[in-house]
Amino acid sequence: MIMSQMRGPSVTAARRMLAFQHPPSKLNPTDSAWQAHKGDSTLMENTQEELKAHLMQTDEEFRRLAEQHAQFHKQLEALEAKSHLTPEEELEEHRLKKLKLRIKDQMNAILSRQRPQNVA
């Protein structure tokens, strides 16, 4: 089912349940997988951001993935700015979201490989 068709009491009830399980004050949304978190950062987030910045400077694969992620993010923003999407645009939106998620997973794998080396 397309997200735009998922309206009604069941979606609202699910959102309320999620809000109850995860209060908004504890959520840290990000614009992108490699961009800094908004708001106050904890020590762990600072370390994470420092590692990302280091990889952006030193790891060509990470930098390439981050650039692709940002490009897909911009393309999605352009699609989401439209008031109505054609079926082809909906398919493109879905494809871009999958690609963006795959890239985020690859970036997180690189981060995970780097973490043990940085822990002392």
PDB file of N, CA and C in Angstrom:
ATOM      1  N   MET A   1       0.847  -1.178   0.000  1.00  0.00           N
ATOM      2  CA  MET A   1       0.000   0.000   0.000  1.00  0.00           C
ATOM      3  C   MET A   1       0.892   1.241   0.000  1.00  0.00           C
ATOM      4  N   ILE A   2       0.553   2.206  -0.795  1.00  0.00           N
ATOM      5  CA  ILE A   2       1.320   3.440  -0.879  1.00  0.00           C
ATOM      6  C   ILE A   2       1.059   4.272   0.367  1.00  0.00           C
ATOM      7  N   MET A   3       2.133   4.921   0.871  1.00  0.00           N
ATOM      8  CA  MET A   3       2.021   5.690   2.120  1.00  0.00           C
ATOM      9  C   MET A   3       0.910   6.730   2.059  1.00  0.00           C
ATOM     10  N   SER A   4       0.703   7.346   0.894  1.00  0.00           N
ATOM     11  CA  SER A   4      -0.332   8.375   0.801  1.00  0.00           C
ATOM     12  C   SER A   4      -1.724   7.781   0.983  1.00  0.00           C
ATOM     13  N   GLN A   5      -1.861   6.471   0.742  1.00  0.00           N
ATOM     14  CA  GLN A   5      -3.155   5.823   0.919  1.00  0.00           C
ATOM     15  C   GLN A   5      -3.353   5.356   2.353  1.00  0.00           C
ATOM     16  N   MET A   6      -2.306   5.357   3.145  1.00  0.00           N
ATOM     17  CA  MET A   6      -2.376   4.851   4.519  1.00  0.00           C
ATOM     18  C   MET A   6      -2.815   5.954   5.477  1.00  0.00           C
ATOM     19  N   ARG A   7      -4.019   6.316   5.411  1.00  0.00           N
ATOM     20  CA  ARG A   7      -4.574   7.325   6.295  1.00  0.00           C
ATOM     21  C   ARG A   7      -5.702   6.691   7.094  1.00  0.00           C
ATOM     22  N   GLY A   8      -6.003   7.248   8.225  1.00  0.00           N
ATOM     23  CA  GLY A   8      -7.132   6.742   8.974  1.00  0.00           C
ATOM     24  C   GLY A   8      -6.766   6.406  10.394  1.00  0.00           C
ATOM     25  N   PRO A   9      -7.698   5.818  11.115  1.00  0.00           N
ATOM     26  CA  PRO A   9      -7.511   5.552  12.542  1.00  0.00           C
ATOM     27  C   PRO A   9      -6.349   4.616  12.837  1.00  0.00           C
ATOM     28  N   SER A  10      -6.107   3.606  11.978  1.00  0.00           N
ATOM     29  CA  SER A  10      -5.053   2.642  12.299  1.00  0.00           C
ATOM     30  C   SER A  10      -3.679   3.303  12.257  1.00  0.00           C
ATOM     31  N   VAL A  11      -3.448   4.187  11.317  1.00  0.00           N
ATOM     32  CA  VAL A  11      -2.168   4.894  11.237  1.00  0.00           C
ATOM     33  C   VAL A  11      -2.026   5.835  12.426  1.00  0.00           C
ATOM     34  N   THR A  12      -3.101   6.548  12.766  1.00  0.00           N
ATOM     35  CA  THR A  12      -3.069   7.460  13.900  1.00  0.00           C
ATOM     36  C   THR A  12      -2.809   6.694  15.189  1.00  0.00           C
ATOM     37  N   ALA A  13      -3.461   5.553  15.352  1.00  0.00           N
ATOM     38  CA  ALA A  13      -3.258   4.740  16.557  1.00  0.00           C
ATOM     39  C   ALA A  13      -1.820   4.236  16.625  1.00  0.00           C
ATOM     40  N   ALA A  14      -1.276   3.835  15.479  1.00  0.00           N
ATOM     41  CA  ALA A  14       0.117   3.360  15.445  1.00  0.00           C
ATOM     42  C   ALA A  14       1.074   4.480  15.819  1.00  0.00           C
ATOM     43  N   ARG A  15       0.821   5.677  15.326  1.00  0.00           N
ATOM     44  CA  ARG A  15       1.680   6.820  15.664  1.00  0.00           C
ATOM     45  C   ARG A  15       1.616   7.131  17.152  1.00  0.00           C
ATOM     46  N   ARG A  16       0.407   7.066  17.720  1.00  0.00           N
ATOM     47  CA  ARG A  16       0.273   7.316  19.157  1.00  0.00           C
ATOM     48  C   ARG A  16       1.043   6.275  19.955  1.00  0.00           C
ATOM     49  N   MET A  17       0.963   5.006  19.518  1.00  0.00           N
ATOM     50  CA  MET A  17       1.659   3.939  20.226  1.00  0.00           C
ATOM     51  C   MET A  17       3.171   4.161  20.146  1.00  0.00           C
ATOM     52  N   LEU A  18       3.676   4.537  18.974  1.00  0.00           N
ATOM     53  CA  LEU A  18       5.100   4.810  18.831  1.00  0.00           C
ATOM     54  C   LEU A  18       5.520   5.997  19.686  1.00  0.00           C
ATOM     55  N   ALA A  19       4.685   7.020  19.721  1.00  0.00           N
ATOM     56  CA  ALA A  19       5.001   8.198  20.528  1.00  0.00           C
ATOM     57  C   ALA A  19       5.046   7.832  22.003  1.00  0.00           C
ATOM     58  N   PHE A  20       4.173   6.915  22.418  1.00  0.00           N
ATOM     59  CA  PHE A  20       4.163   6.478  23.805  1.00  0.00           C
ATOM     60  C   PHE A  20       5.412   5.660  24.121  1.00  0.00           C
ATOM     61  N   GLN A  21       5.794   4.772  23.189  1.00  0.00           N
ATOM     62  CA  GLN A  21       6.959   3.920  23.403  1.00  0.00           C
ATOM     63  C   GLN A  21       8.270   4.701  23.322  1.00  0.00           C
ATOM     64  N   HIS A  22       8.307   5.708  22.461  1.00  0.00           N
ATOM     65  CA  HIS A  22       9.525   6.488  22.244  1.00  0.00           C
ATOM     66  C   HIS A  22       9.183   7.976  22.337  1.00  0.00           C
ATOM     67  N   PRO A  23       9.247   8.543  23.523  1.00  0.00           N
ATOM     68  CA  PRO A  23       8.895   9.952  23.667  1.00  0.00           C
ATOM     69  C   PRO A  23       9.750  10.821  22.746  1.00  0.00           C
ATOM     70  N   PRO A  24       9.165  11.886  22.164  1.00  0.00           N
ATOM     71  CA  PRO A  24       9.872  12.740  21.228  1.00  0.00           C
ATOM     72  C   PRO A  24      11.176  13.313  21.777  1.00  0.00           C
ATOM     73  N   SER A  25      11.263  13.542  23.072  1.00  0.00           N
ATOM     74  CA  SER A  25      12.466  14.134  23.644  1.00  0.00           C
ATOM     75  C   SER A  25      13.674  13.222  23.511  1.00  0.00           C
ATOM     76  N   LYS A  26      13.467  11.917  23.312  1.00  0.00           N
ATOM     77  CA  LYS A  26      14.579  10.979  23.214  1.00  0.00           C
ATOM     78  C   LYS A  26      14.949  10.654  21.775  1.00  0.00           C
ATOM     79  N   LEU A  27      14.194  11.149  20.806  1.00  0.00           N
ATOM     80  CA  LEU A  27      14.486  10.885  19.409  1.00  0.00           C
ATOM     81  C   LEU A  27      15.464  11.916  18.883  1.00  0.00           C
ATOM     82  N   ASN A  28      16.403  11.476  18.051  1.00  0.00           N
ATOM     83  CA  ASN A  28      17.380  12.359  17.430  1.00  0.00           C
ATOM     84  C   ASN A  28      17.305  12.224  15.920  1.00  0.00           C
ATOM     85  N   PRO A  29      16.353  12.909  15.258  1.00  0.00           N
ATOM     86  CA  PRO A  29      16.242  12.774  13.817  1.00  0.00           C
ATOM     87  C   PRO A  29      17.432  13.423  13.119  1.00  0.00           C
ATOM     88  N   THR A  30      17.763  12.890  11.948  1.00  0.00           N
ATOM     89  CA  THR A  30      18.840  13.471  11.144  1.00  0.00           C
ATOM     90  C   THR A  30      18.320  13.749   9.753  1.00  0.00           C
ATOM     91  N   ASP A  31      18.923  14.703   9.083  1.00  0.00           N
ATOM     92  CA  ASP A  31      18.573  15.003   7.703  1.00  0.00           C
ATOM     93  C   ASP A  31      19.184  13.983   6.760  1.00  0.00           C
ATOM     94  N   SER A  32      20.317  13.487   7.137  1.00  0.00           N
ATOM     95  CA  SER A  32      21.034  12.561   6.282  1.00  0.00           C
ATOM     96  C   SER A  32      21.931  11.710   7.161  1.00  0.00           C
ATOM     97  N   ALA A  33      22.344  10.598   6.644  1.00  0.00           N
ATOM     98  CA  ALA A  33      23.161   9.682   7.442  1.00  0.00           C
ATOM     99  C   ALA A  33      24.515  10.264   7.802  1.00  0.00           C
ATOM    100  N   TRP A  34      25.030  11.162   7.018  1.00  0.00           N
ATOM    101  CA  TRP A  34      26.382  11.658   7.264  1.00  0.00           C
ATOM    102  C   TRP A  34      26.406  13.085   7.757  1.00  0.00           C
ATOM    103  N   GLN A  35      25.260  13.724   7.887  1.00  0.00           N
ATOM    104  CA  GLN A  35      25.229  15.089   8.382  1.00  0.00           C
ATOM    105  C   GLN A  35      25.131  15.089   9.900  1.00  0.00           C
ATOM    106  N   ALA A  36      25.567  16.189  10.495  1.00  0.00           N
ATOM    107  CA  ALA A  36      25.553  16.309  11.953  1.00  0.00           C
ATOM    108  C   ALA A  36      24.126  16.312  12.480  1.00  0.00           C
ATOM    109  N   HIS A  37      23.965  15.811  13.687  1.00  0.00           N
ATOM    110  CA  HIS A  37      22.669  15.848  14.358  1.00  0.00           C
ATOM    111  C   HIS A  37      22.324  17.283  14.714  1.00  0.00           C
ATOM    112  N   LYS A  38      21.043  17.602  14.680  1.00  0.00           N
ATOM    113  CA  LYS A  38      20.591  18.926  15.095  1.00  0.00           C
ATOM    114  C   LYS A  38      20.364  18.922  16.599  1.00  0.00           C
ATOM    115  N   GLY A  39      20.543  20.039  17.210  1.00  0.00           N
ATOM    116  CA  GLY A  39      20.303  20.155  18.647  1.00  0.00           C
ATOM    117  C   GLY A  39      21.527  19.797  19.449  1.00  0.00           C
ATOM    118  N   ASP A  40      21.328  19.583  20.731  1.00  0.00           N
ATOM    119  CA  ASP A  40      22.438  19.246  21.623  1.00  0.00           C
ATOM    120  C   ASP A  40      22.980  17.869  21.289  1.00  0.00           C
ATOM    121  N   SER A  41      24.293  17.752  21.266  1.00  0.00           N
ATOM    122  CA  SER A  41      24.937  16.480  20.967  1.00  0.00           C
ATOM    123  C   SER A  41      25.547  15.899  22.220  1.00  0.00           C
ATOM    124  N   THR A  42      25.486  14.599  22.339  1.00  0.00           N
ATOM    125  CA  THR A  42      26.135  13.927  23.447  1.00  0.00           C
ATOM    126  C   THR A  42      27.569  13.636  23.045  1.00  0.00           C
ATOM    127  N   LEU A  43      28.368  13.177  23.985  1.00  0.00           N
ATOM    128  CA  LEU A  43      29.754  12.818  23.704  1.00  0.00           C
ATOM    129  C   LEU A  43      29.824  11.749  22.618  1.00  0.00           C
ATOM    130  N   MET A  44      28.923  10.777  22.683  1.00  0.00           N
ATOM    131  CA  MET A  44      28.914   9.705  21.695  1.00  0.00           C
ATOM    132  C   MET A  44      28.613  10.244  20.295  1.00  0.00           C
ATOM    133  N   GLU A  45      27.654  11.155  20.181  1.00  0.00           N
ATOM    134  CA  GLU A  45      27.326  11.746  18.898  1.00  0.00           C
ATOM    135  C   GLU A  45      28.492  12.568  18.376  1.00  0.00           C
ATOM    136  N   ASN A  46      29.180  13.296  19.270  1.00  0.00           N
ATOM    137  CA  ASN A  46      30.345  14.075  18.853  1.00  0.00           C
ATOM    138  C   ASN A  46      31.421  13.153  18.296  1.00  0.00           C
ATOM    139  N   THR A  47      31.672  12.049  18.974  1.00  0.00           N
ATOM    140  CA  THR A  47      32.661  11.092  18.513  1.00  0.00           C
ATOM    141  C   THR A  47      32.251  10.522  17.158  1.00  0.00           C
ATOM    142  N   GLN A  48      30.986  10.205  17.006  1.00  0.00           N
ATOM    143  CA  GLN A  48      30.450   9.693  15.744  1.00  0.00           C
ATOM    144  C   GLN A  48      30.647  10.718  14.632  1.00  0.00           C
ATOM    145  N   GLU A  49      30.337  11.965  14.916  1.00  0.00           N
ATOM    146  CA  GLU A  49      30.490  13.021  13.914  1.00  0.00           C
ATOM    147  C   GLU A  49      31.957  13.256  13.577  1.00  0.00           C
ATOM    148  N   GLU A  50      32.826  13.147  14.573  1.00  0.00           N
ATOM    149  CA  GLU A  50      34.257  13.294  14.315  1.00  0.00           C
ATOM    150  C   GLU A  50      34.754  12.170  13.420  1.00  0.00           C
ATOM    151  N   LEU A  51      34.272  10.963  13.664  1.00  0.00           N
ATOM    152  CA  LEU A  51      34.657   9.831  12.831  1.00  0.00           C
ATOM    153  C   LEU A  51      34.159  10.016  11.396  1.00  0.00           C
ATOM    154  N   LYS A  52      32.923  10.478  11.252  1.00  0.00           N
ATOM    155  CA  LYS A  52      32.381  10.736   9.914  1.00  0.00           C
ATOM    156  C   LYS A  52      33.209  11.801   9.195  1.00  0.00           C
ATOM    157  N   ALA A  53      33.553  12.875   9.909  1.00  0.00           N
ATOM    158  CA  ALA A  53      34.364  13.941   9.302  1.00  0.00           C
ATOM    159  C   ALA A  53      35.732  13.404   8.894  1.00  0.00           C
ATOM    160  N   HIS A  54      36.323  12.573   9.747  1.00  0.00           N
ATOM    161  CA  HIS A  54      37.626  11.976   9.441  1.00  0.00           C
ATOM    162  C   HIS A  54      37.520  11.104   8.185  1.00  0.00           C
ATOM    163  N   LEU A  55      36.483  10.283   8.104  1.00  0.00           N
ATOM    164  CA  LEU A  55      36.299   9.417   6.943  1.00  0.00           C
ATOM    165  C   LEU A  55      36.025  10.224   5.680  1.00  0.00           C
ATOM    166  N   MET A  56      35.306  11.328   5.803  1.00  0.00           N
ATOM    167  CA  MET A  56      35.060  12.187   4.637  1.00  0.00           C
ATOM    168  C   MET A  56      36.383  12.701   4.068  1.00  0.00           C
ATOM    169  N   GLN A  57      37.358  12.933   4.925  1.00  0.00           N
ATOM    170  CA  GLN A  57      38.648  13.451   4.488  1.00  0.00           C
ATOM    171  C   GLN A  57      39.593  12.349   4.013  1.00  0.00           C
ATOM    172  N   THR A  58      39.479  11.153   4.594  1.00  0.00           N
ATOM    173  CA  THR A  58      40.511  10.143   4.350  1.00  0.00           C
ATOM    174  C   THR A  58      40.041   8.911   3.570  1.00  0.00           C
ATOM    175  N   ASP A  59      38.751   8.640   3.518  1.00  0.00           N
ATOM    176  CA  ASP A  59      38.255   7.415   2.894  1.00  0.00           C
ATOM    177  C   ASP A  59      37.470   7.761   1.626  1.00  0.00           C
ATOM    178  N   GLU A  60      38.062   7.425   0.495  1.00  0.00           N
ATOM    179  CA  GLU A  60      37.436   7.766  -0.795  1.00  0.00           C
ATOM    180  C   GLU A  60      36.075   7.094  -0.970  1.00  0.00           C
ATOM    181  N   GLU A  61      35.957   5.830  -0.560  1.00  0.00           N
ATOM    182  CA  GLU A  61      34.689   5.121  -0.695  1.00  0.00           C
ATOM    183  C   GLU A  61      33.605   5.782   0.163  1.00  0.00           C
ATOM    184  N   PHE A  62      33.932   6.116   1.410  1.00  0.00           N
ATOM    185  CA  PHE A  62      32.964   6.760   2.293  1.00  0.00           C
ATOM    186  C   PHE A  62      32.524   8.105   1.708  1.00  0.00           C
ATOM    187  N   ARG A  63      33.485   8.859   1.213  1.00  0.00           N
ATOM    188  CA  ARG A  63      33.182  10.175   0.628  1.00  0.00           C
ATOM    189  C   ARG A  63      32.272  10.024  -0.597  1.00  0.00           C
ATOM    190  N   ARG A  64      32.564   9.039  -1.451  1.00  0.00           N
ATOM    191  CA  ARG A  64      31.741   8.791  -2.643  1.00  0.00           C
ATOM    192  C   ARG A  64      30.320   8.408  -2.236  1.00  0.00           C
ATOM    193  N   LEU A  65      30.197   7.531  -1.244  1.00  0.00           N
ATOM    194  CA  LEU A  65      28.875   7.121  -0.759  1.00  0.00           C
ATOM    195  C   LEU A  65      28.112   8.306  -0.169  1.00  0.00           C
ATOM    196  N   ALA A  66      28.807   9.140   0.590  1.00  0.00           N
ATOM    197  CA  ALA A  66      28.168  10.306   1.196  1.00  0.00           C
ATOM    198  C   ALA A  66      27.664  11.268   0.126  1.00  0.00           C
ATOM    199  N   GLU A  67      28.450  11.440  -0.926  1.00  0.00           N
ATOM    200  CA  GLU A  67      28.033  12.324  -2.019  1.00  0.00           C
ATOM    201  C   GLU A  67      26.812  11.770  -2.743  1.00  0.00           C
ATOM    202  N   GLN A  68      26.799  10.442  -2.978  1.00  0.00           N
ATOM    203  CA  GLN A  68      25.631   9.820  -3.601  1.00  0.00           C
ATOM    204  C   GLN A  68      24.405   9.955  -2.704  1.00  0.00           C
ATOM    205  N   HIS A  69      24.597   9.739  -1.409  1.00  0.00           N
ATOM    206  CA  HIS A  69      23.495   9.848  -0.453  1.00  0.00           C
ATOM    207  C   HIS A  69      22.907  11.253  -0.493  1.00  0.00           C
ATOM    208  N   ALA A  70      23.765  12.255  -0.514  1.00  0.00           N
ATOM    209  CA  ALA A  70      23.305  13.645  -0.560  1.00  0.00           C
ATOM    210  C   ALA A  70      22.572  13.932  -1.869  1.00  0.00           C
ATOM    211  N   GLN A  71      23.075  13.377  -2.967  1.00  0.00           N
ATOM    212  CA  GLN A  71      22.429  13.584  -4.266  1.00  0.00           C
ATOM    213  C   GLN A  71      21.026  12.971  -4.274  1.00  0.00           C
ATOM    214  N   PHE A  72      20.903  11.739  -3.768  1.00  0.00           N
ATOM    215  CA  PHE A  72      19.587  11.099  -3.701  1.00  0.00           C
ATOM    216  C   PHE A  72      18.657  11.864  -2.770  1.00  0.00           C
ATOM    217  N   HIS A  73      19.209  12.402  -1.686  1.00  0.00           N
ATOM    218  CA  HIS A  73      18.425  13.189  -0.742  1.00  0.00           C
ATOM    219  C   HIS A  73      17.826  14.415  -1.447  1.00  0.00           C
ATOM    220  N   LYS A  74      18.631  15.103  -2.238  1.00  0.00           N
ATOM    221  CA  LYS A  74      18.144  16.282  -2.974  1.00  0.00           C
ATOM    222  C   LYS A  74      17.077  15.898  -3.988  1.00  0.00           C
ATOM    223  N   GLN A  75      17.281  14.775  -4.679  1.00  0.00           N
ATOM    224  CA  GLN A  75      16.281  14.325  -5.651  1.00  0.00           C
ATOM    225  C   GLN A  75      14.965  13.986  -4.961  1.00  0.00           C
ATOM    226  N   LEU A  76      15.047  13.357  -3.788  1.00  0.00           N
ATOM    227  CA  LEU A  76      13.830  13.037  -3.036  1.00  0.00           C
ATOM    228  C   LEU A  76      13.122  14.301  -2.564  1.00  0.00           C
ATOM    229  N   GLU A  77      13.890  15.271  -2.098  1.00  0.00           N
ATOM    230  CA  GLU A  77      13.287  16.539  -1.670  1.00  0.00           C
ATOM    231  C   GLU A  77      12.522  17.181  -2.810  1.00  0.00           C
ATOM    232  N   ALA A  78      13.083  17.140  -4.022  1.00  0.00           N
ATOM    233  CA  ALA A  78      12.408  17.726  -5.191  1.00  0.00           C
ATOM    234  C   ALA A  78      11.101  17.004  -5.485  1.00  0.00           C
ATOM    235  N   LEU A  79      11.111  15.678  -5.372  1.00  0.00           N
ATOM    236  CA  LEU A  79       9.875  14.917  -5.599  1.00  0.00           C
ATOM    237  C   LEU A  79       8.854  15.200  -4.502  1.00  0.00           C
ATOM    238  N   GLU A  80       9.317  15.243  -3.259  1.00  0.00           N
ATOM    239  CA  GLU A  80       8.401  15.444  -2.137  1.00  0.00           C
ATOM    240  C   GLU A  80       7.829  16.855  -2.110  1.00  0.00           C
ATOM    241  N   ALA A  81       8.458  17.791  -2.796  1.00  0.00           N
ATOM    242  CA  ALA A  81       7.955  19.160  -2.849  1.00  0.00           C
ATOM    243  C   ALA A  81       6.747  19.282  -3.772  1.00  0.00           C
ATOM    244  N   LYS A  82       6.561  18.314  -4.629  1.00  0.00           N
ATOM    245  CA  LYS A  82       5.425  18.346  -5.561  1.00  0.00           C
ATOM    246  C   LYS A  82       4.137  18.030  -4.813  1.00  0.00           C
ATOM    247  N   SER A  83       3.057  18.669  -5.231  1.00  0.00           N
ATOM    248  CA  SER A  83       1.772  18.433  -4.568  1.00  0.00           C
ATOM    249  C   SER A  83       1.160  17.098  -4.976  1.00  0.00           C
ATOM    250  N   HIS A  84       1.506  16.624  -6.159  1.00  0.00           N
ATOM    251  CA  HIS A  84       0.972  15.340  -6.635  1.00  0.00           C
ATOM    252  C   HIS A  84       2.046  14.646  -7.458  1.00  0.00           C
ATOM    253  N   LEU A  85       2.200  13.343  -7.233  1.00  0.00           N
ATOM    254  CA  LEU A  85       3.171  12.569  -7.989  1.00  0.00           C
ATOM    255  C   LEU A  85       2.466  11.661  -8.982  1.00  0.00           C
ATOM    256  N   THR A  86       3.039  11.577 -10.172  1.00  0.00           N
ATOM    257  CA  THR A  86       2.534  10.619 -11.153  1.00  0.00           C
ATOM    258  C   THR A  86       2.949   9.225 -10.698  1.00  0.00           C
ATOM    259  N   PRO A  87       2.340   8.196 -11.247  1.00  0.00           N
ATOM    260  CA  PRO A  87       2.765   6.837 -10.877  1.00  0.00           C
ATOM    261  C   PRO A  87       4.265   6.603 -11.136  1.00  0.00           C
ATOM    262  N   GLU A  88       4.782   7.172 -12.212  1.00  0.00           N
ATOM    263  CA  GLU A  88       6.210   7.040 -12.507  1.00  0.00           C
ATOM    264  C   GLU A  88       7.055   7.737 -11.447  1.00  0.00           C
ATOM    265  N   GLU A  89       6.598   8.901 -11.002  1.00  0.00           N
ATOM    266  CA  GLU A  89       7.320   9.633  -9.956  1.00  0.00           C
ATOM    267  C   GLU A  89       7.268   8.898  -8.622  1.00  0.00           C
ATOM    268  N   GLU A  90       6.144   8.241  -8.342  1.00  0.00           N
ATOM    269  CA  GLU A  90       6.044   7.448  -7.114  1.00  0.00           C
ATOM    270  C   GLU A  90       7.027   6.286  -7.141  1.00  0.00           C
ATOM    271  N   LEU A  91       7.155   5.642  -8.303  1.00  0.00           N
ATOM    272  CA  LEU A  91       8.123   4.561  -8.446  1.00  0.00           C
ATOM    273  C   LEU A  91       9.553   5.084  -8.275  1.00  0.00           C
ATOM    274  N   GLU A  92       9.828   6.242  -8.853  1.00  0.00           N
ATOM    275  CA  GLU A  92      11.153   6.847  -8.720  1.00  0.00           C
ATOM    276  C   GLU A  92      11.443   7.210  -7.269  1.00  0.00           C
ATOM    277  N   GLU A  93      10.444   7.739  -6.566  1.00  0.00           N
ATOM    278  CA  GLU A  93      10.605   8.066  -5.148  1.00  0.00           C
ATOM    279  C   GLU A  93      10.944   6.805  -4.353  1.00  0.00           C
ATOM    280  N   HIS A  94      10.229   5.739  -4.616  1.00  0.00           N
ATOM    281  CA  HIS A  94      10.459   4.471  -3.925  1.00  0.00           C
ATOM    282  C   HIS A  94      11.868   3.945  -4.228  1.00  0.00           C
ATOM    283  N   ARG A  95      12.269   4.017  -5.507  1.00  0.00           N
ATOM    284  CA  ARG A  95      13.598   3.555  -5.916  1.00  0.00           C
ATOM    285  C   ARG A  95      14.691   4.364  -5.227  1.00  0.00           C
ATOM    286  N   LEU A  96      14.529   5.686  -5.192  1.00  0.00           N
ATOM    287  CA  LEU A  96      15.525   6.555  -4.563  1.00  0.00           C
ATOM    288  C   LEU A  96      15.637   6.271  -3.063  1.00  0.00           C
ATOM    289  N   LYS A  97      14.516   6.039  -2.413  1.00  0.00           N
ATOM    290  CA  LYS A  97      14.543   5.733  -0.980  1.00  0.00           C
ATOM    291  C   LYS A  97      15.302   4.440  -0.710  1.00  0.00           C
ATOM    292  N   LYS A  98      15.105   3.434  -1.565  1.00  0.00           N
ATOM    293  CA  LYS A  98      15.826   2.170  -1.392  1.00  0.00           C
ATOM    294  C   LYS A  98      17.325   2.368  -1.618  1.00  0.00           C
ATOM    295  N   LEU A  99      17.675   3.114  -2.663  1.00  0.00           N
ATOM    296  CA  LEU A  99      19.091   3.367  -2.938  1.00  0.00           C
ATOM    297  C   LEU A  99      19.741   4.141  -1.802  1.00  0.00           C
ATOM    298  N   LYS A 100      19.031   5.141  -1.309  1.00  0.00           N
ATOM    299  CA  LYS A 100      19.555   5.960  -0.220  1.00  0.00           C
ATOM    300  C   LYS A 100      19.770   5.112   1.039  1.00  0.00           C
ATOM    301  N   LEU A 101      18.845   4.221   1.330  1.00  0.00           N
ATOM    302  CA  LEU A 101      18.972   3.348   2.492  1.00  0.00           C
ATOM    303  C   LEU A 101      20.132   2.370   2.320  1.00  0.00           C
ATOM    304  N   ARG A 102      20.287   1.827   1.112  1.00  0.00           N
ATOM    305  CA  ARG A 102      21.395   0.913   0.857  1.00  0.00           C
ATOM    306  C   ARG A 102      22.737   1.622   1.064  1.00  0.00           C
ATOM    307  N   ILE A 103      22.827   2.852   0.593  1.00  0.00           N
ATOM    308  CA  ILE A 103      24.064   3.622   0.763  1.00  0.00           C
ATOM    309  C   ILE A 103      24.308   3.914   2.239  1.00  0.00           C
ATOM    310  N   LYS A 104      23.243   4.248   2.966  1.00  0.00           N
ATOM    311  CA  LYS A 104      23.392   4.505   4.398  1.00  0.00           C
ATOM    312  C   LYS A 104      23.908   3.258   5.108  1.00  0.00           C
ATOM    313  N   ASP A 105      23.389   2.101   4.726  1.00  0.00           N
ATOM    314  CA  ASP A 105      23.861   0.850   5.316  1.00  0.00           C
ATOM    315  C   ASP A 105      25.344   0.627   5.019  1.00  0.00           C
ATOM    316  N   GLN A 106      25.771   0.922   3.795  1.00  0.00           N
ATOM    317  CA  GLN A 106      27.177   0.771   3.432  1.00  0.00           C
ATOM    318  C   GLN A 106      28.055   1.735   4.235  1.00  0.00           C
ATOM    319  N   MET A 107      27.582   2.951   4.426  1.00  0.00           N
ATOM    320  CA  MET A 107      28.329   3.930   5.210  1.00  0.00           C
ATOM    321  C   MET A 107      28.426   3.481   6.668  1.00  0.00           C
ATOM    322  N   ASN A 108      27.336   2.956   7.197  1.00  0.00           N
ATOM    323  CA  ASN A 108      27.345   2.464   8.581  1.00  0.00           C
ATOM    324  C   ASN A 108      28.281   1.274   8.741  1.00  0.00           C
ATOM    325  N   ALA A 109      28.392   0.441   7.710  1.00  0.00           N
ATOM    326  CA  ALA A 109      29.327  -0.687   7.762  1.00  0.00           C
ATOM    327  C   ALA A 109      30.766  -0.178   7.842  1.00  0.00           C
ATOM    328  N   ILE A 110      31.069   0.865   7.074  1.00  0.00           N
ATOM    329  CA  ILE A 110      32.411   1.463   7.129  1.00  0.00           C
ATOM    330  C   ILE A 110      32.656   2.051   8.514  1.00  0.00           C
ATOM    331  N   LEU A 111      31.658   2.742   9.061  1.00  0.00           N
ATOM    332  CA  LEU A 111      31.791   3.308  10.408  1.00  0.00           C
ATOM    333  C   LEU A 111      32.027   2.204  11.438  1.00  0.00           C
ATOM    334  N   SER A 112      31.307   1.099  11.305  1.00  0.00           N
ATOM    335  CA  SER A 112      31.456  -0.012  12.253  1.00  0.00           C
ATOM    336  C   SER A 112      32.846  -0.617  12.191  1.00  0.00           C
ATOM    337  N   ARG A 113      33.409  -0.707  10.992  1.00  0.00           N
ATOM    338  CA  ARG A 113      34.769  -1.242  10.858  1.00  0.00           C
ATOM    339  C   ARG A 113      35.785  -0.304  11.495  1.00  0.00           C
ATOM    340  N   GLN A 114      35.512   0.995  11.489  1.00  0.00           N
ATOM    341  CA  GLN A 114      36.442   1.980  12.030  1.00  0.00           C
ATOM    342  C   GLN A 114      36.358   2.088  13.546  1.00  0.00           C
ATOM    343  N   ARG A 115      35.183   1.861  14.120  1.00  0.00           N
ATOM    344  CA  ARG A 115      34.996   2.046  15.576  1.00  0.00           C
ATOM    345  C   ARG A 115      35.970   1.227  16.427  1.00  0.00           C
ATOM    346  N   PRO A 116      36.132  -0.077  16.169  1.00  0.00           N
ATOM    347  CA  PRO A 116      37.053  -0.842  17.028  1.00  0.00           C
ATOM    348  C   PRO A 116      38.481  -0.312  16.972  1.00  0.00           C
ATOM    349  N   GLN A 117      38.892   0.237  15.847  1.00  0.00           N
ATOM    350  CA  GLN A 117      40.243   0.775  15.712  1.00  0.00           C
ATOM    351  C   GLN A 117      40.420   2.044  16.529  1.00  0.00           C
ATOM    352  N   ASN A 118      39.336   2.787  16.734  1.00  0.00           N
ATOM    353  CA  ASN A 118      39.406   4.062  17.428  1.00  0.00           C
ATOM    354  C   ASN A 118      39.200   3.950  18.927  1.00  0.00           C
ATOM    355  N   VAL A 119      38.718   2.788  19.398  1.00  0.00           N
ATOM    356  CA  VAL A 119      38.486   2.605  20.835  1.00  0.00           C
ATOM    357  C   VAL A 119      39.803   2.216  21.476  1.00  0.00           C
ATOM    358  N   ALA A 120      40.193   2.962  22.516  1.00  0.00           N
ATOM    359  CA  ALA A 120      41.474   2.656  23.176  1.00  0.00           C
ATOM    360  C   ALA A 120      41.293   2.560  24.665  1.00  0.00           C
TER     361      ALA A 120
END
